[in-house]
Structures are given as structure tokens and as C-alpha cells.
């Protein structure tokens, strides 16, 4: 599990280095992703494009 966490944290680091002005919603919780998709579809683009293992 620690190895997976290292991979995900590295991806988030690269994402924030590339887009310093961007705001993202973390996608590590499937319930949050489903909530955004269902109730706030305008924010789907704000979901971080990172899949947790």
C-alpha cells in the first residue's frame, strides 16, 4: 500500500508543478467522485485526473 501511495503522491506533485494556478478535487475517494458527478456536474473538470490504485 505504501508503494501505491508513493505513486499517487508523485502524480499529484507533477500535476501541481505543471499547473500552479489550478484547483483540483482529489479523486482518491469514489464517494466524492460520484457526488460531484451526480450533484455538481459542472465541477467534473475539476476532478484530478489521477486514479488511486
C-alpha atoms as a PDB file:
ATOM      1  CA  UNK A   1       0.000   0.000   0.000  1.00  0.00           C
ATOM      2  CA  UNK A   2       2.854   2.384   0.754  1.00  0.00           C
ATOM      3  CA  UNK A   3       4.202   1.934  -2.778  1.00  0.00           C
ATOM      4  CA  UNK A   4       0.812   2.871  -4.249  1.00  0.00           C
ATOM      5  CA  UNK A   5       0.632   5.941  -2.014  1.00  0.00           C
ATOM      6  CA  UNK A   6       4.078   6.990  -3.243  1.00  0.00           C
ATOM      7  CA  UNK A   7       2.954   6.680  -6.859  1.00  0.00           C
ATOM      8  CA  UNK A   8      -0.189   8.722  -6.276  1.00  0.00           C
ATOM      9  CA  UNK A   9       1.623  11.438  -4.343  1.00  0.00           C
ATOM     10  CA  UNK A  10       4.203  11.717  -7.130  1.00  0.00           C
ATOM     11  CA  UNK A  11       1.435  12.167  -9.701  1.00  0.00           C
ATOM     12  CA  UNK A  12      -0.199  14.905  -7.597  1.00  0.00           C
ATOM     13  CA  UNK A  13       3.178  16.630  -7.231  1.00  0.00           C
ATOM     14  CA  UNK A  14       3.690  16.602 -11.003  1.00  0.00           C
ATOM     15  CA  UNK A  15       0.142  17.833 -11.583  1.00  0.00           C
ATOM     16  CA  UNK A  16       0.605  20.816  -9.273  1.00  0.00           C
ATOM     17  CA  UNK A  17       4.037  21.650 -10.677  1.00  0.00           C
ATOM     18  CA  UNK A  18       2.608  21.689 -14.207  1.00  0.00           C
ATOM     19  CA  UNK A  19      -0.491  23.743 -13.361  1.00  0.00           C
ATOM     20  CA  UNK A  20       0.329  26.063 -10.462  1.00  0.00           C
ATOM     21  CA  UNK A  21      -2.921  28.047 -10.711  1.00  0.00           C
ATOM     22  CA  UNK A  22      -5.229  25.046 -10.943  1.00  0.00           C
ATOM     23  CA  UNK A  23      -7.604  23.866  -8.264  1.00  0.00           C
ATOM     24  CA  UNK A  24      -8.434  20.199  -8.135  1.00  0.00           C
ATOM     25  CA  UNK A  25     -10.717  17.915  -6.198  1.00  0.00           C
ATOM     26  CA  UNK A  26      -8.862  14.804  -5.032  1.00  0.00           C
ATOM     27  CA  UNK A  27     -10.197  11.616  -6.581  1.00  0.00           C
ATOM     28  CA  UNK A  28      -8.975   9.125  -4.016  1.00  0.00           C
ATOM     29  CA  UNK A  29     -12.497   8.701  -2.617  1.00  0.00           C
ATOM     30  CA  UNK A  30     -15.016   7.129  -5.010  1.00  0.00           C
ATOM     31  CA  UNK A  31     -17.907   8.576  -2.986  1.00  0.00           C
ATOM     32  CA  UNK A  32     -16.677  12.129  -3.620  1.00  0.00           C
ATOM     33  CA  UNK A  33     -16.266  11.426  -7.325  1.00  0.00           C
ATOM     34  CA  UNK A  34     -19.812  10.038  -7.522  1.00  0.00           C
ATOM     35  CA  UNK A  35     -21.154  13.001  -5.530  1.00  0.00           C
ATOM     36  CA  UNK A  36     -19.527  15.526  -7.856  1.00  0.00           C
ATOM     37  CA  UNK A  37     -20.684  13.655 -10.942  1.00  0.00           C
ATOM     38  CA  UNK A  38     -24.260  13.432  -9.691  1.00  0.00           C
ATOM     39  CA  UNK A  39     -24.872  16.756  -7.946  1.00  0.00           C
ATOM     40  CA  UNK A  40     -22.232  19.115  -9.376  1.00  0.00           C
ATOM     41  CA  UNK A  41     -21.540  18.022 -12.957  1.00  0.00           C
ATOM     42  CA  UNK A  42     -20.066  21.441 -13.725  1.00  0.00           C
ATOM     43  CA  UNK A  43     -17.163  20.531 -11.423  1.00  0.00           C
ATOM     44  CA  UNK A  44     -16.261  17.262 -13.156  1.00  0.00           C
ATOM     45  CA  UNK A  45     -13.414  19.052 -14.938  1.00  0.00           C
ATOM     46  CA  UNK A  46     -12.012  19.971 -11.503  1.00  0.00           C
ATOM     47  CA  UNK A  47     -11.583  16.319 -10.538  1.00  0.00           C
ATOM     48  CA  UNK A  48      -7.894  15.458 -10.505  1.00  0.00           C
ATOM     49  CA  UNK A  49      -7.024  13.137 -13.422  1.00  0.00           C
ATOM     50  CA  UNK A  50      -5.322  10.668 -11.077  1.00  0.00           C
ATOM     51  CA  UNK A  51      -6.598   7.177 -10.317  1.00  0.00           C
ATOM     52  CA  UNK A  52      -5.716   5.701  -6.963  1.00  0.00           C
ATOM     53  CA  UNK A  53      -4.534   2.075  -7.070  1.00  0.00           C
END
